[in-house]
C-alpha atoms as a PDB file:
ATOM      1  CA  UNK A   1      33.337  11.862 -97.960  1.00  0.00           C
ATOM      2  CA  UNK A   2      32.145  10.940 -94.494  1.00  0.00           C
ATOM      3  CA  UNK A   3      31.181  14.202 -92.683  1.00  0.00           C
ATOM      4  CA  UNK A   4      32.466  12.898 -89.339  1.00  0.00           C
ATOM      5  CA  UNK A   5      35.844  12.379 -90.992  1.00  0.00           C
ATOM      6  CA  UNK A   6      35.742  15.905 -92.315  1.00  0.00           C
ATOM      7  CA  UNK A   7      34.939  17.215 -88.835  1.00  0.00           C
ATOM      8  CA  UNK A   8      37.846  15.259 -87.408  1.00  0.00           C
ATOM      9  CA  UNK A   9      40.284  16.730 -89.943  1.00  0.00           C
ATOM     10  CA  UNK A  10      39.074  20.244 -89.301  1.00  0.00           C
ATOM     11  CA  UNK A  11      37.237  20.721 -92.734  1.00  0.00           C
ATOM     12  CA  UNK A  12      33.742  22.188 -92.656  1.00  0.00           C
ATOM     13  CA  UNK A  13      31.271  19.604 -94.250  1.00  0.00           C
ATOM     14  CA  UNK A  14      28.235  20.832 -96.329  1.00  0.00           C
ATOM     15  CA  UNK A  15      25.084  19.943 -94.434  1.00  0.00           C
ATOM     16  CA  UNK A  16      22.781  17.537 -96.426  1.00  0.00           C
ATOM     17  CA  UNK A  17      19.698  19.584 -95.735  1.00  0.00           C
ATOM     18  CA  UNK A  18      21.242  22.540 -97.477  1.00  0.00           C
ATOM     19  CA  UNK A  19      21.864  20.450-100.595  1.00  0.00           C
ATOM     20  CA  UNK A  20      18.268  19.187-100.585  1.00  0.00           C
ATOM     21  CA  UNK A  21      16.776  22.643-100.231  1.00  0.00           C
ATOM     22  CA  UNK A  22      19.060  24.009-102.955  1.00  0.00           C
ATOM     23  CA  UNK A  23      18.017  21.197-105.328  1.00  0.00           C
ATOM     24  CA  UNK A  24      14.341  21.745-104.502  1.00  0.00           C
ATOM     25  CA  UNK A  25      14.520  25.425-105.098  1.00  0.00           C
ATOM     26  CA  UNK A  26      16.307  24.846-108.417  1.00  0.00           C
ATOM     27  CA  UNK A  27      13.646  22.442-109.574  1.00  0.00           C
ATOM     28  CA  UNK A  28      10.907  24.854-108.499  1.00  0.00           C
ATOM     29  CA  UNK A  29      12.595  27.626-110.407  1.00  0.00           C
ATOM     30  CA  UNK A  30      12.735  25.555-113.608  1.00  0.00           C
ATOM     31  CA  UNK A  31       9.061  24.606-113.231  1.00  0.00           C
ATOM     32  CA  UNK A  32       8.047  28.235-112.716  1.00  0.00           C
ATOM     33  CA  UNK A  33      10.028  29.346-115.771  1.00  0.00           C
ATOM     34  CA  UNK A  34       8.342  26.652-117.952  1.00  0.00           C
ATOM     35  CA  UNK A  35       4.917  27.492-116.521  1.00  0.00           C
ATOM     36  CA  UNK A  36       5.321  31.157-117.247  1.00  0.00           C
ATOM     37  CA  UNK A  37       6.403  30.458-120.856  1.00  0.00           C
ATOM     38  CA  UNK A  38       3.522  28.109-121.451  1.00  0.00           C
ATOM     39  CA  UNK A  39       1.012  30.226-119.594  1.00  0.00           C
ATOM     40  CA  UNK A  40       0.103  27.581-117.130  1.00  0.00           C
ATOM     41  CA  UNK A  41      -0.839  29.464-113.997  1.00  0.00           C
ATOM     42  CA  UNK A  42      -1.863  26.355-112.116  1.00  0.00           C
ATOM     43  CA  UNK A  43       1.597  24.907-112.440  1.00  0.00           C
ATOM     44  CA  UNK A  44       3.051  28.246-111.415  1.00  0.00           C
ATOM     45  CA  UNK A  45       0.989  28.277-108.232  1.00  0.00           C
ATOM     46  CA  UNK A  46       2.042  24.705-107.382  1.00  0.00           C
ATOM     47  CA  UNK A  47       5.689  25.589-107.819  1.00  0.00           C
ATOM     48  CA  UNK A  48       5.287  28.622-105.585  1.00  0.00           C
ATOM     49  CA  UNK A  49       3.672  26.453-102.871  1.00  0.00           C
ATOM     50  CA  UNK A  50       6.546  24.010-103.032  1.00  0.00           C
ATOM     51  CA  UNK A  51       9.065  26.837-102.815  1.00  0.00           C
ATOM     52  CA  UNK A  52       7.276  28.252 -99.770  1.00  0.00           C
ATOM     53  CA  UNK A  53       7.313  24.816 -98.172  1.00  0.00           C
ATOM     54  CA  UNK A  54      11.044  24.564 -98.679  1.00  0.00           C
ATOM     55  CA  UNK A  55      11.606  27.933 -97.106  1.00  0.00           C
ATOM     56  CA  UNK A  56       9.444  27.049 -94.131  1.00  0.00           C
ATOM     57  CA  UNK A  57      11.376  23.791 -93.705  1.00  0.00           C
ATOM     58  CA  UNK A  58      14.749  25.532 -93.592  1.00  0.00           C
ATOM     59  CA  UNK A  59      14.567  26.505 -89.797  1.00  0.00           C
ATOM     60  CA  UNK A  60      13.790  22.892 -88.974  1.00  0.00           C
ATOM     61  CA  UNK A  61      16.695  21.727 -90.987  1.00  0.00           C
ATOM     62  CA  UNK A  62      18.989  24.144 -89.118  1.00  0.00           C
ATOM     63  CA  UNK A  63      18.889  21.802 -86.135  1.00  0.00           C
ATOM     64  CA  UNK A  64      20.484  19.021 -88.139  1.00  0.00           C
ATOM     65  CA  UNK A  65      24.108  20.185 -87.471  1.00  0.00           C
ATOM     66  CA  UNK A  66      23.675  19.565 -83.777  1.00  0.00           C
ATOM     67  CA  UNK A  67      22.349  16.104 -84.533  1.00  0.00           C
ATOM     68  CA  UNK A  68      25.308  15.500 -86.758  1.00  0.00           C
ATOM     69  CA  UNK A  69      27.815  16.668 -84.152  1.00  0.00           C
ATOM     70  CA  UNK A  70      26.195  14.430 -81.554  1.00  0.00           C
ATOM     71  CA  UNK A  71      26.438  11.525 -83.985  1.00  0.00           C
ATOM     72  CA  UNK A  72      30.147  12.131 -84.422  1.00  0.00           C
ATOM     73  CA  UNK A  73      30.876  12.431 -80.717  1.00  0.00           C
ATOM     74  CA  UNK A  74      32.774   9.645 -78.986  1.00  0.00           C
ATOM     75  CA  UNK A  75      30.690   7.064 -77.093  1.00  0.00           C
ATOM     76  CA  UNK A  76      29.978   8.179 -73.525  1.00  0.00           C
ATOM     77  CA  UNK A  77      30.804  11.784 -74.254  1.00  0.00           C
ATOM     78  CA  UNK A  78      28.487  14.441 -72.854  1.00  0.00           C
ATOM     79  CA  UNK A  79      26.897  16.467 -75.711  1.00  0.00           C
ATOM     80  CA  UNK A  80      27.723  20.150 -75.707  1.00  0.00           C
ATOM     81  CA  UNK A  81      24.831  22.463 -74.798  1.00  0.00           C
ATOM     82  CA  UNK A  82      23.345  24.652 -77.559  1.00  0.00           C
ATOM     83  CA  UNK A  83      23.390  28.426 -77.179  1.00  0.00           C
ATOM     84  CA  UNK A  84      19.991  30.063 -77.252  1.00  0.00           C
ATOM     85  CA  UNK A  85      21.406  33.442 -78.220  1.00  0.00           C
ATOM     86  CA  UNK A  86      22.599  32.456 -81.725  1.00  0.00           C
ATOM     87  CA  UNK A  87      21.532  30.149 -84.532  1.00  0.00           C
ATOM     88  CA  UNK A  88      25.036  28.709 -84.709  1.00  0.00           C
ATOM     89  CA  UNK A  89      26.465  26.338 -82.151  1.00  0.00           C
ATOM     90  CA  UNK A  90      28.424  28.145 -79.430  1.00  0.00           C
ATOM     91  CA  UNK A  91      31.658  26.879 -77.954  1.00  0.00           C
ATOM     92  CA  UNK A  92      31.273  24.721 -74.873  1.00  0.00           C
ATOM     93  CA  UNK A  93      32.689  26.704 -71.885  1.00  0.00           C
ATOM     94  CA  UNK A  94      35.678  25.076 -70.347  1.00  0.00           C
ATOM     95  CA  UNK A  95      34.766  23.941 -66.854  1.00  0.00           C
ATOM     96  CA  UNK A  96      37.059  25.304 -64.183  1.00  0.00           C
ATOM     97  CA  UNK A  97      38.428  22.710 -61.842  1.00  0.00           C
ATOM     98  CA  UNK A  98      36.762  22.620 -58.523  1.00  0.00           C
ATOM     99  CA  UNK A  99      38.973  24.155 -55.865  1.00  0.00           C
ATOM    100  CA  UNK A 100      40.505  21.565 -53.641  1.00  0.00           C
ATOM    101  CA  UNK A 101      39.571  22.427 -50.091  1.00  0.00           C
ATOM    102  CA  UNK A 102      42.625  23.131 -48.041  1.00  0.00           C
ATOM    103  CA  UNK A 103      42.865  22.973 -44.306  1.00  0.00           C
ATOM    104  CA  UNK A 104      43.784  26.365 -42.938  1.00  0.00           C
ATOM    105  CA  UNK A 105      46.960  26.215 -40.940  1.00  0.00           C
ATOM    106  CA  UNK A 106      46.507  28.423 -37.906  1.00  0.00           C
ATOM    107  CA  UNK A 107      49.096  31.095 -37.730  1.00  0.00           C
ATOM    108  CA  UNK A 108      50.865  31.567 -34.448  1.00  0.00           C
ATOM    109  CA  UNK A 109      49.831  34.818 -32.865  1.00  0.00           C
ATOM    110  CA  UNK A 110      53.016  36.770 -32.134  1.00  0.00           C
ATOM    111  CA  UNK A 111      53.495  37.465 -28.445  1.00  0.00           C
ATOM    112  CA  UNK A 112      53.576  41.263 -28.079  1.00  0.00           C
ATOM    113  CA  UNK A 113      56.734  42.607 -26.609  1.00  0.00           C
ATOM    114  CA  UNK A 114      55.760  44.227 -23.316  1.00  0.00           C
ATOM    115  CA  UNK A 115      56.302  47.945 -23.285  1.00  0.00           C
ATOM    116  CA  UNK A 116      58.692  48.783 -20.507  1.00  0.00           C
ATOM    117  CA  UNK A 117      56.990  50.703 -17.750  1.00  0.00           C
ATOM    118  CA  UNK A 118      58.581  54.048 -17.153  1.00  0.00           C
ATOM    119  CA  UNK A 119      58.503  54.746 -13.476  1.00  0.00           C
ATOM    120  CA  UNK A 120      58.962  58.305 -12.488  1.00  0.00           C
ATOM    121  CA  UNK A 121      61.816  58.483 -10.027  1.00  0.00           C
ATOM    122  CA  UNK A 122      60.979  60.715  -7.110  1.00  0.00           C
ATOM    123  CA  UNK A 123      64.088  62.551  -6.063  1.00  0.00           C
ATOM    124  CA  UNK A 124      64.047  62.907  -2.301  1.00  0.00           C
ATOM    125  CA  UNK A 125      64.850  66.283  -0.854  1.00  0.00           C
ATOM    126  CA  UNK A 126      68.460  66.004   0.092  1.00  0.00           C
ATOM    127  CA  UNK A 127      69.386  66.466   3.725  1.00  0.00           C
ATOM    128  CA  UNK A 128      71.944  69.233   4.012  1.00  0.00           C
ATOM    129  CA  UNK A 129      75.381  67.788   4.575  1.00  0.00           C
ATOM    130  CA  UNK A 130      77.688  69.480   7.069  1.00  0.00           C
ATOM    131  CA  UNK A 131      80.578  69.189   4.664  1.00  0.00           C
ATOM    132  CA  UNK A 132      78.585  70.805   1.820  1.00  0.00           C
ATOM    133  CA  UNK A 133      76.397  73.593   3.123  1.00  0.00           C
ATOM    134  CA  UNK A 134      76.735  73.531   6.901  1.00  0.00           C
ATOM    135  CA  UNK A 135      79.669  74.304   9.183  1.00  0.00           C
ATOM    136  CA  UNK A 136      81.363  71.202  10.489  1.00  0.00           C
ATOM    137  CA  UNK A 137      80.128  70.415  13.981  1.00  0.00           C
ATOM    138  CA  UNK A 138      78.630  67.744  16.160  1.00  0.00           C
ATOM    139  CA  UNK A 139      75.091  69.089  15.674  1.00  0.00           C
ATOM    140  CA  UNK A 140      72.530  66.809  14.064  1.00  0.00           C
ATOM    141  CA  UNK A 141      72.170  66.856  10.296  1.00  0.00           C
ATOM    142  CA  UNK A 142      68.645  65.436  10.547  1.00  0.00           C
ATOM    143  CA  UNK A 143      67.065  66.949  13.622  1.00  0.00           C
ATOM    144  CA  UNK A 144      65.239  70.262  13.456  1.00  0.00           C
ATOM    145  CA  UNK A 145      64.952  71.066  17.172  1.00  0.00           C
ATOM    146  CA  UNK A 146      63.014  74.348  16.847  1.00  0.00           C
ATOM    147  CA  UNK A 147      60.940  73.195  13.833  1.00  0.00           C
ATOM    148  CA  UNK A 148      61.799  76.213  11.699  1.00  0.00           C
ATOM    149  CA  UNK A 149      62.563  74.115   8.642  1.00  0.00           C
ATOM    150  CA  UNK A 150      66.366  74.170   9.093  1.00  0.00           C
ATOM    151  CA  UNK A 151      68.223  71.183  10.506  1.00  0.00           C
ATOM    152  CA  UNK A 152      70.365  71.850  13.568  1.00  0.00           C
ATOM    153  CA  UNK A 153      73.674  71.470  11.719  1.00  0.00           C
ATOM    154  CA  UNK A 154      72.741  74.378   9.429  1.00  0.00           C
ATOM    155  CA  UNK A 155      70.830  76.407  11.977  1.00  0.00           C
ATOM    156  CA  UNK A 156      72.571  79.467  13.485  1.00  0.00           C
ATOM    157  CA  UNK A 157      70.068  79.399  16.375  1.00  0.00           C
ATOM    158  CA  UNK A 158      68.981  75.783  16.865  1.00  0.00           C
ATOM    159  CA  UNK A 159      66.601  76.446  19.753  1.00  0.00           C
ATOM    160  CA  UNK A 160      65.189  79.829  18.540  1.00  0.00           C
ATOM    161  CA  UNK A 161      65.989  81.687  21.702  1.00  0.00           C
ATOM    162  CA  UNK A 162      67.781  84.548  19.936  1.00  0.00           C
ATOM    163  CA  UNK A 163      71.266  83.490  21.078  1.00  0.00           C
ATOM    164  CA  UNK A 164      73.548  82.216  18.340  1.00  0.00           C
ATOM    165  CA  UNK A 165      74.788  78.631  18.761  1.00  0.00           C
ATOM    166  CA  UNK A 166      78.338  79.923  18.435  1.00  0.00           C
ATOM    167  CA  UNK A 167      77.695  82.191  21.418  1.00  0.00           C
ATOM    168  CA  UNK A 168      76.646  79.121  23.378  1.00  0.00           C
ATOM    169  CA  UNK A 169      79.821  77.232  22.435  1.00  0.00           C
ATOM    170  CA  UNK A 170      81.601  78.459  25.559  1.00  0.00           C
ATOM    171  CA  UNK A 171      84.827  76.655  24.767  1.00  0.00           C
ATOM    172  CA  UNK A 172      84.840  77.921  21.154  1.00  0.00           C
ATOM    173  CA  UNK A 173      85.913  74.513  19.966  1.00  0.00           C
ATOM    174  CA  UNK A 174      83.086  73.898  17.442  1.00  0.00           C
ATOM    175  CA  UNK A 175      81.665  71.209  19.710  1.00  0.00           C
ATOM    176  CA  UNK A 176      78.189  72.006  20.995  1.00  0.00           C
ATOM    177  CA  UNK A 177      77.349  68.984  23.152  1.00  0.00           C
ATOM    178  CA  UNK A 178      80.003  69.802  25.805  1.00  0.00           C
ATOM    179  CA  UNK A 179      78.469  73.110  26.974  1.00  0.00           C
ATOM    180  CA  UNK A 180      76.080  72.025  29.704  1.00  0.00           C
ATOM    181  CA  UNK A 181      76.887  74.517  32.473  1.00  0.00           C
ATOM    182  CA  UNK A 182      73.835  74.715  34.760  1.00  0.00           C
ATOM    183  CA  UNK A 183      74.601  75.044  38.476  1.00  0.00           C
ATOM    184  CA  UNK A 184      77.552  76.035  40.571  1.00  0.00           C
ATOM    185  CA  UNK A 185      80.613  73.849  41.197  1.00  0.00           C
ATOM    186  CA  UNK A 186      80.856  75.328  44.698  1.00  0.00           C
ATOM    187  CA  UNK A 187      77.870  73.257  45.765  1.00  0.00           C
ATOM    188  CA  UNK A 188      77.595  70.409  43.221  1.00  0.00           C
ATOM    189  CA  UNK A 189      80.216  68.068  41.800  1.00  0.00           C
ATOM    190  CA  UNK A 190      79.147  68.269  38.164  1.00  0.00           C
ATOM    191  CA  UNK A 191      77.514  71.069  36.201  1.00  0.00           C
ATOM    192  CA  UNK A 192      74.615  70.490  33.889  1.00  0.00           C
ATOM    193  CA  UNK A 193      71.050  69.256  33.631  1.00  0.00           C
ATOM    194  CA  UNK A 194      71.532  66.933  30.616  1.00  0.00           C
ATOM    195  CA  UNK A 195      70.825  69.549  27.927  1.00  0.00           C
ATOM    196  CA  UNK A 196      73.694  71.491  26.317  1.00  0.00           C
ATOM    197  CA  UNK A 197      73.271  75.237  26.144  1.00  0.00           C
ATOM    198  CA  UNK A 198      72.645  75.500  22.347  1.00  0.00           C
ATOM    199  CA  UNK A 199      69.470  73.415  22.914  1.00  0.00           C
ATOM    200  CA  UNK A 200      68.713  74.592  26.502  1.00  0.00           C
ATOM    201  CA  UNK A 201      66.044  77.275  26.973  1.00  0.00           C
ATOM    202  CA  UNK A 202      67.311  78.035  30.512  1.00  0.00           C
ATOM    203  CA  UNK A 203      71.049  77.517  30.367  1.00  0.00           C
ATOM    204  CA  UNK A 204      71.773  78.367  34.043  1.00  0.00           C
ATOM    205  CA  UNK A 205      68.549  77.013  35.638  1.00  0.00           C
ATOM    206  CA  UNK A 206      67.816  80.305  37.382  1.00  0.00           C
ATOM    207  CA  UNK A 207      64.135  80.279  36.361  1.00  0.00           C
ATOM    208  CA  UNK A 208      64.613  83.066  33.760  1.00  0.00           C
ATOM    209  CA  UNK A 209      64.500  81.810  30.146  1.00  0.00           C
ATOM    210  CA  UNK A 210      67.441  82.547  27.829  1.00  0.00           C
ATOM    211  CA  UNK A 211      65.277  84.429  25.304  1.00  0.00           C
ATOM    212  CA  UNK A 212      64.560  87.037  27.975  1.00  0.00           C
ATOM    213  CA  UNK A 213      68.136  87.189  29.328  1.00  0.00           C
ATOM    214  CA  UNK A 214      70.041  86.880  26.108  1.00  0.00           C
ATOM    215  CA  UNK A 215      69.697  89.789  23.635  1.00  0.00           C
ATOM    216  CA  UNK A 216      68.849  93.251  24.939  1.00  0.00           C
ATOM    217  CA  UNK A 217      65.235  93.062  23.789  1.00  0.00           C
ATOM    218  CA  UNK A 218      62.652  95.564  24.913  1.00  0.00           C
ATOM    219  CA  UNK A 219      59.364  94.292  26.351  1.00  0.00           C
ATOM    220  CA  UNK A 220      57.650  95.310  23.090  1.00  0.00           C
ATOM    221  CA  UNK A 221      60.056  93.268  21.000  1.00  0.00           C
ATOM    222  CA  UNK A 222      59.546  90.248  23.199  1.00  0.00           C
ATOM    223  CA  UNK A 223      55.798  90.604  22.854  1.00  0.00           C
ATOM    224  CA  UNK A 224      56.245  90.807  19.034  1.00  0.00           C
ATOM    225  CA  UNK A 225      58.562  87.804  18.691  1.00  0.00           C
ATOM    226  CA  UNK A 226      57.281  85.591  21.566  1.00  0.00           C
ATOM    227  CA  UNK A 227      53.738  86.526  22.340  1.00  0.00           C
ATOM    228  CA  UNK A 228      53.019  83.579  24.663  1.00  0.00           C
ATOM    229  CA  UNK A 229      56.400  84.088  26.459  1.00  0.00           C
ATOM    230  CA  UNK A 230      57.343  80.439  26.332  1.00  0.00           C
ATOM    231  CA  UNK A 231      61.006  81.209  25.556  1.00  0.00           C
ATOM    232  CA  UNK A 232      60.849  80.215  21.892  1.00  0.00           C
ATOM    233  CA  UNK A 233      60.237  82.593  18.927  1.00  0.00           C
ATOM    234  CA  UNK A 234      56.686  82.100  17.637  1.00  0.00           C
ATOM    235  CA  UNK A 235      56.203  80.067  14.489  1.00  0.00           C
ATOM    236  CA  UNK A 236      54.463  82.986  12.752  1.00  0.00           C
ATOM    237  CA  UNK A 237      57.768  84.847  12.439  1.00  0.00           C
ATOM    238  CA  UNK A 238      59.941  84.580   9.369  1.00  0.00           C
ATOM    239  CA  UNK A 239      63.080  82.507   9.595  1.00  0.00           C
ATOM    240  CA  UNK A 240      65.620  82.374   6.774  1.00  0.00           C
ATOM    241  CA  UNK A 241      67.535  79.490   5.337  1.00  0.00           C
ATOM    242  CA  UNK A 242      70.105  79.978   8.134  1.00  0.00           C
ATOM    243  CA  UNK A 243      67.498  79.342  10.823  1.00  0.00           C
ATOM    244  CA  UNK A 244      67.877  82.791  12.374  1.00  0.00           C
ATOM    245  CA  UNK A 245      64.877  85.087  12.912  1.00  0.00           C
ATOM    246  CA  UNK A 246      64.991  87.558  10.014  1.00  0.00           C
ATOM    247  CA  UNK A 247      63.947  90.430  12.280  1.00  0.00           C
ATOM    248  CA  UNK A 248      67.264  90.135  14.101  1.00  0.00           C
ATOM    249  CA  UNK A 249      69.423  90.454  10.951  1.00  0.00           C
ATOM    250  CA  UNK A 250      70.520  93.427   8.875  1.00  0.00           C
ATOM    251  CA  UNK A 251      68.937  91.615   5.935  1.00  0.00           C
ATOM    252  CA  UNK A 252      67.373  88.127   5.543  1.00  0.00           C
ATOM    253  CA  UNK A 253      69.978  85.361   5.741  1.00  0.00           C
ATOM    254  CA  UNK A 254      72.813  87.803   6.124  1.00  0.00           C
ATOM    255  CA  UNK A 255      73.762  86.225   9.472  1.00  0.00           C
ATOM    256  CA  UNK A 256      74.688  89.697  10.673  1.00  0.00           C
ATOM    257  CA  UNK A 257      72.783  90.926  13.708  1.00  0.00           C
ATOM    258  CA  UNK A 258      71.322  94.418  13.881  1.00  0.00           C
ATOM    259  CA  UNK A 259      73.703  96.804  15.728  1.00  0.00           C
ATOM    260  CA  UNK A 260      71.247  97.302  18.611  1.00  0.00           C
ATOM    261  CA  UNK A 261      71.081  93.542  19.158  1.00  0.00           C
ATOM    262  CA  UNK A 262      74.630  92.621  18.340  1.00  0.00           C
ATOM    263  CA  UNK A 263      75.728  92.249  21.990  1.00  0.00           C
ATOM    264  CA  UNK A 264      74.404  89.838  24.582  1.00  0.00           C
ATOM    265  CA  UNK A 265      72.769  91.323  27.686  1.00  0.00           C
ATOM    266  CA  UNK A 266      75.362  91.651  30.488  1.00  0.00           C
ATOM    267  CA  UNK A 267      73.884  93.670  33.315  1.00  0.00           C
ATOM    268  CA  UNK A 268      76.891  93.698  35.636  1.00  0.00           C
ATOM    269  CA  UNK A 269      79.539  93.762  32.913  1.00  0.00           C
ATOM    270  CA  UNK A 270      81.446  90.772  34.184  1.00  0.00           C
ATOM    271  CA  UNK A 271      82.736  87.841  32.139  1.00  0.00           C
ATOM    272  CA  UNK A 272      79.378  86.102  31.997  1.00  0.00           C
ATOM    273  CA  UNK A 273      76.376  87.288  29.996  1.00  0.00           C
ATOM    274  CA  UNK A 274      73.084  87.256  31.938  1.00  0.00           C
ATOM    275  CA  UNK A 275      71.779  83.999  30.485  1.00  0.00           C
ATOM    276  CA  UNK A 276      74.501  82.000  32.290  1.00  0.00           C
ATOM    277  CA  UNK A 277      74.959  84.372  35.278  1.00  0.00           C
ATOM    278  CA  UNK A 278      73.056  83.355  38.404  1.00  0.00           C
ATOM    279  CA  UNK A 279      73.500  86.836  39.845  1.00  0.00           C
ATOM    280  CA  UNK A 280      73.175  89.192  36.856  1.00  0.00           C
ATOM    281  CA  UNK A 281      73.289  92.412  38.887  1.00  0.00           C
ATOM    282  CA  UNK A 282      76.055  91.084  41.151  1.00  0.00           C
ATOM    283  CA  UNK A 283      73.788  91.727  44.143  1.00  0.00           C
ATOM    284  CA  UNK A 284      70.871  89.297  44.155  1.00  0.00           C
ATOM    285  CA  UNK A 285      70.283  85.896  42.668  1.00  0.00           C
ATOM    286  CA  UNK A 286      68.010  86.116  39.675  1.00  0.00           C
ATOM    287  CA  UNK A 287      65.904  83.295  41.064  1.00  0.00           C
ATOM    288  CA  UNK A 288      65.237  85.424  44.076  1.00  0.00           C
ATOM    289  CA  UNK A 289      64.375  88.478  41.942  1.00  0.00           C
ATOM    290  CA  UNK A 290      61.463  86.542  40.480  1.00  0.00           C
ATOM    291  CA  UNK A 291      60.450  85.456  43.992  1.00  0.00           C
ATOM    292  CA  UNK A 292      61.230  81.779  43.642  1.00  0.00           C
ATOM    293  CA  UNK A 293      63.804  81.388  46.367  1.00  0.00           C
ATOM    294  CA  UNK A 294      61.752  78.397  47.528  1.00  0.00           C
ATOM    295  CA  UNK A 295      63.213  76.390  44.613  1.00  0.00           C
ATOM    296  CA  UNK A 296      66.821  76.987  45.681  1.00  0.00           C
ATOM    297  CA  UNK A 297      67.833  73.680  47.279  1.00  0.00           C
ATOM    298  CA  UNK A 298      71.514  74.604  47.740  1.00  0.00           C
ATOM    299  CA  UNK A 299      71.184  78.325  48.408  1.00  0.00           C
ATOM    300  CA  UNK A 300      73.291  79.083  45.365  1.00  0.00           C
ATOM    301  CA  UNK A 301      70.633  80.643  43.098  1.00  0.00           C
ATOM    302  CA  UNK A 302      69.675  77.757  40.819  1.00  0.00           C
ATOM    303  CA  UNK A 303      66.979  75.113  40.562  1.00  0.00           C
ATOM    304  CA  UNK A 304      68.225  71.576  41.133  1.00  0.00           C
ATOM    305  CA  UNK A 305      68.086  69.143  38.293  1.00  0.00           C
ATOM    306  CA  UNK A 306      64.715  67.367  38.005  1.00  0.00           C
ATOM    307  CA  UNK A 307      62.627  65.466  35.535  1.00  0.00           C
ATOM    308  CA  UNK A 308      62.515  67.095  32.105  1.00  0.00           C
ATOM    309  CA  UNK A 309      60.156  65.088  29.826  1.00  0.00           C
ATOM    310  CA  UNK A 310      60.347  67.460  26.844  1.00  0.00           C
ATOM    311  CA  UNK A 311      64.163  67.857  27.063  1.00  0.00           C
ATOM    312  CA  UNK A 312      64.035  71.648  26.749  1.00  0.00           C
ATOM    313  CA  UNK A 313      66.259  72.279  29.832  1.00  0.00           C
ATOM    314  CA  UNK A 314      63.525  74.056  31.764  1.00  0.00           C
ATOM    315  CA  UNK A 315      63.277  72.332  35.145  1.00  0.00           C
ATOM    316  CA  UNK A 316      59.951  70.882  36.166  1.00  0.00           C
ATOM    317  CA  UNK A 317      59.070  73.291  39.015  1.00  0.00           C
ATOM    318  CA  UNK A 318      58.932  76.224  36.591  1.00  0.00           C
ATOM    319  CA  UNK A 319      58.026  74.384  33.355  1.00  0.00           C
ATOM    320  CA  UNK A 320      54.398  75.276  32.636  1.00  0.00           C
ATOM    321  CA  UNK A 321      54.249  72.823  29.765  1.00  0.00           C
ATOM    322  CA  UNK A 322      56.330  69.756  30.696  1.00  0.00           C
ATOM    323  CA  UNK A 323      55.367  67.853  27.500  1.00  0.00           C
ATOM    324  CA  UNK A 324      56.172  70.729  25.123  1.00  0.00           C
ATOM    325  CA  UNK A 325      59.254  72.749  24.362  1.00  0.00           C
ATOM    326  CA  UNK A 326      59.035  76.083  26.189  1.00  0.00           C
ATOM    327  CA  UNK A 327      57.169  77.297  29.221  1.00  0.00           C
ATOM    328  CA  UNK A 328      54.325  79.707  28.383  1.00  0.00           C
ATOM    329  CA  UNK A 329      53.807  82.736  30.657  1.00  0.00           C
ATOM    330  CA  UNK A 330      57.305  82.554  32.053  1.00  0.00           C
ATOM    331  CA  UNK A 331      58.490  85.678  33.984  1.00  0.00           C
ATOM    332  CA  UNK A 332      60.547  88.295  32.149  1.00  0.00           C
ATOM    333  CA  UNK A 333      63.980  89.244  33.341  1.00  0.00           C
ATOM    334  CA  UNK A 334      63.899  92.039  35.957  1.00  0.00           C
ATOM    335  CA  UNK A 335      66.669  93.839  34.034  1.00  0.00           C
ATOM    336  CA  UNK A 336      64.728  95.034  31.031  1.00  0.00           C
END
């Protein structure tokens, strides 16, 4: 049977070289047996040489299967490589298909969602509202005239002269801008110097400041509360949330004056406290008592209205600091 046909059908053919070697060895064996029986050593040696030759030839013959497989291969086929690790033919490794290069499709980079910026909201300090924390009035809800940290609408003493704003509301109508009473209607047609009493540091224009004529302070108290004697409590003092000097109250922010300071100074006991009385002792004009009669244009005990750049109600002839509220080194009332 053709060995290529056997290979095609899957049967394992007997290699020809194996048959030849087997036949040779059989013949050599017969010769050796005959030689031994007949005692022919020379023939025995020859047979042994032939047998050795056949055995030596067997490795060469082992290459014949590859030759046979190549002979049976289809024309143009590539012969399978022989394995060097074994005497038998190894299976031809199946070649993996070459990867087909692919063009990378660029992936769209997702647009990051912007993180919302959290902005800290600064809460402004609320301005006190007259309807919430302050008595209803026509005083400003934004101005702090005496700079004590309390706006006028909430301040019991808006100009820090020691006289409560309610005591300077002469008509007791809760309106503070209609209490400008400087002068004397006997000699002038209209009272006033343009500054209402709750903001005026000299409400009657007699040259004596309200802080010295208002409460019955002693000279020592005035020195303690108004060291420069400008008619305004010094900033170093303590003022409560109600704008009143704490030293005047029974307790901070009580709004209740100490008994010794509860009444306004009224030297002659008439219907006018000294700070709006041109003749506090009912004998002499106060302006004359401080030896400034030269400033009395009308002979009625008050200084005529003049320029007032700082708007503190102190007239220019006696205002030692025209650009600042108050008049340092002003004279004390003679009625201490």
